[in-house]
Each structure stands twice: as C-alpha cells, then as structure tokens.
Amino acid sequence: MLFSEWGFELVLTEAAFIENILLKEVYICAIYATCEADLKEGMTMHFA
C-alpha cells in the first residue's frame, strides 16, 4: 500500500482544506467584483 490509512486521510484533509480556501477566494472575488461594479455604477449615476 502506498499510503498508510492515516497518511491518506491527511492528504484528503489537506486537499479539502486547499479547496475550501480556493472556494472562499473565488467567493470573495465574486463579492468584490459585484461591489466594485455597483460602486462604479453608483459613481457614474452620481456624477452624471
């Protein structure tokens, strides 16, 4: 066996952890992009 069960579990946990961080970053970027677009739209309307 390549992995001991503990080692394999560790790898899976690490993969899930990294995936979680990536998901959070995508989520934050999406929120930021939406807010930025709203801001720009608001500014444009405000200074039109």
N, C-alpha and C. Protein backbone atom coordinates (compact mmCIF):
# COMPACT_ATOMS: atom_id res chain seq x y z
N MET A 1 0.85 -1.21 0.00
CA MET A 1 0.00 0.00 0.00
C MET A 1 0.88 1.24 0.00
N LEU A 2 0.52 2.19 -0.83
CA LEU A 2 1.31 3.41 -0.96
C LEU A 2 1.15 4.30 0.26
N PHE A 3 -0.10 4.49 0.68
CA PHE A 3 -0.38 5.32 1.84
C PHE A 3 -0.76 4.45 3.02
N SER A 4 -0.34 4.84 4.19
CA SER A 4 -0.97 4.28 5.38
C SER A 4 -2.33 4.97 5.45
N GLU A 5 -3.27 4.39 6.16
CA GLU A 5 -4.60 4.99 6.19
C GLU A 5 -4.55 6.40 6.75
N TRP A 6 -3.70 6.60 7.74
CA TRP A 6 -3.58 7.92 8.37
C TRP A 6 -3.02 8.93 7.38
N GLY A 7 -1.99 8.52 6.62
CA GLY A 7 -1.38 9.39 5.63
C GLY A 7 -2.36 9.77 4.55
N PHE A 8 -3.16 8.80 4.14
CA PHE A 8 -4.14 9.04 3.08
C PHE A 8 -5.19 10.03 3.57
N GLU A 9 -5.60 9.86 4.81
CA GLU A 9 -6.60 10.74 5.40
C GLU A 9 -6.05 12.16 5.48
N LEU A 10 -4.78 12.26 5.81
CA LEU A 10 -4.11 13.56 5.91
C LEU A 10 -4.11 14.26 4.56
N VAL A 11 -3.79 13.49 3.51
CA VAL A 11 -3.77 14.06 2.15
C VAL A 11 -5.17 14.54 1.76
N LEU A 12 -6.19 13.74 2.08
CA LEU A 12 -7.56 14.12 1.76
C LEU A 12 -7.96 15.38 2.51
N THR A 13 -7.58 15.46 3.78
CA THR A 13 -7.91 16.63 4.60
C THR A 13 -7.23 17.86 4.03
N GLU A 14 -5.98 17.71 3.64
CA GLU A 14 -5.23 18.83 3.08
C GLU A 14 -5.86 19.30 1.78
N ALA A 15 -6.27 18.36 0.94
CA ALA A 15 -6.92 18.69 -0.34
C ALA A 15 -8.22 19.45 -0.08
N ALA A 16 -8.99 18.99 0.90
CA ALA A 16 -10.25 19.64 1.24
C ALA A 16 -9.99 21.05 1.77
N PHE A 17 -8.93 21.18 2.56
CA PHE A 17 -8.56 22.47 3.14
C PHE A 17 -8.19 23.47 2.04
N ILE A 18 -7.37 23.03 1.09
CA ILE A 18 -6.94 23.88 -0.02
C ILE A 18 -8.15 24.25 -0.88
N GLU A 19 -9.01 23.27 -1.12
CA GLU A 19 -10.22 23.52 -1.92
C GLU A 19 -11.10 24.55 -1.24
N ASN A 20 -11.20 24.46 0.07
CA ASN A 20 -12.00 25.38 0.85
C ASN A 20 -11.46 26.80 0.72
N ILE A 21 -10.14 26.96 0.79
CA ILE A 21 -9.51 28.27 0.66
C ILE A 21 -9.78 28.83 -0.74
N LEU A 22 -9.64 27.98 -1.75
CA LEU A 22 -9.87 28.42 -3.13
C LEU A 22 -11.32 28.85 -3.32
N LEU A 23 -12.24 28.08 -2.76
CA LEU A 23 -13.66 28.42 -2.86
C LEU A 23 -13.93 29.76 -2.19
N LYS A 24 -13.33 29.97 -1.01
CA LYS A 24 -13.51 31.24 -0.30
C LYS A 24 -12.96 32.39 -1.13
N GLU A 25 -11.80 32.19 -1.75
CA GLU A 25 -11.19 33.25 -2.56
C GLU A 25 -12.07 33.59 -3.75
N VAL A 26 -12.61 32.57 -4.40
CA VAL A 26 -13.50 32.79 -5.54
C VAL A 26 -14.73 33.55 -5.07
N TYR A 27 -15.26 33.16 -3.93
CA TYR A 27 -16.45 33.78 -3.35
C TYR A 27 -16.18 35.25 -3.04
N ILE A 28 -15.03 35.52 -2.39
CA ILE A 28 -14.65 36.88 -2.04
C ILE A 28 -14.45 37.72 -3.30
N CYS A 29 -13.79 37.14 -4.30
CA CYS A 29 -13.56 37.85 -5.57
C CYS A 29 -14.89 38.18 -6.24
N ALA A 30 -15.82 37.25 -6.20
CA ALA A 30 -17.13 37.47 -6.81
C ALA A 30 -17.86 38.60 -6.10
N ILE A 31 -17.82 38.60 -4.77
CA ILE A 31 -18.46 39.67 -3.99
C ILE A 31 -17.77 41.00 -4.28
N TYR A 32 -16.45 40.99 -4.29
CA TYR A 32 -15.67 42.20 -4.53
C TYR A 32 -15.99 42.77 -5.91
N ALA A 33 -16.01 41.89 -6.92
CA ALA A 33 -16.29 42.32 -8.29
C ALA A 33 -17.69 42.92 -8.39
N THR A 34 -18.64 42.29 -7.70
CA THR A 34 -20.03 42.78 -7.72
C THR A 34 -20.10 44.15 -7.04
N CYS A 35 -19.44 44.27 -5.89
CA CYS A 35 -19.44 45.53 -5.16
C CYS A 35 -18.76 46.62 -5.98
N GLU A 36 -17.66 46.26 -6.63
CA GLU A 36 -16.91 47.21 -7.44
C GLU A 36 -17.78 47.70 -8.60
N ALA A 37 -18.49 46.77 -9.22
CA ALA A 37 -19.37 47.13 -10.34
C ALA A 37 -20.49 48.05 -9.84
N ASP A 38 -21.06 47.73 -8.69
CA ASP A 38 -22.11 48.56 -8.09
C ASP A 38 -21.57 49.95 -7.77
N LEU A 39 -20.37 49.99 -7.23
CA LEU A 39 -19.73 51.25 -6.88
C LEU A 39 -19.54 52.12 -8.11
N LYS A 40 -18.98 51.52 -9.15
CA LYS A 40 -18.73 52.26 -10.38
C LYS A 40 -20.04 52.77 -10.97
N GLU A 41 -21.06 51.92 -10.93
CA GLU A 41 -22.37 52.30 -11.45
C GLU A 41 -22.93 53.44 -10.62
N GLY A 42 -22.78 53.34 -9.31
CA GLY A 42 -23.26 54.37 -8.40
C GLY A 42 -22.54 55.69 -8.64
N MET A 43 -21.23 55.63 -8.83
CA MET A 43 -20.43 56.82 -9.08
C MET A 43 -20.85 57.47 -10.39
N THR A 44 -21.04 56.62 -11.41
CA THR A 44 -21.41 57.13 -12.72
C THR A 44 -22.75 57.86 -12.64
N MET A 45 -23.69 57.25 -11.92
CA MET A 45 -25.02 57.85 -11.79
C MET A 45 -24.92 59.13 -10.96
N HIS A 46 -24.07 59.12 -9.95
CA HIS A 46 -23.93 60.25 -9.03
C HIS A 46 -23.32 61.46 -9.75
N PHE A 47 -22.34 61.19 -10.60
CA PHE A 47 -21.62 62.28 -11.25
C PHE A 47 -22.07 62.53 -12.68
N ALA A 48 -23.17 61.89 -13.08
CA ALA A 48 -23.65 62.05 -14.47
C ALA A 48 -24.16 63.46 -14.69
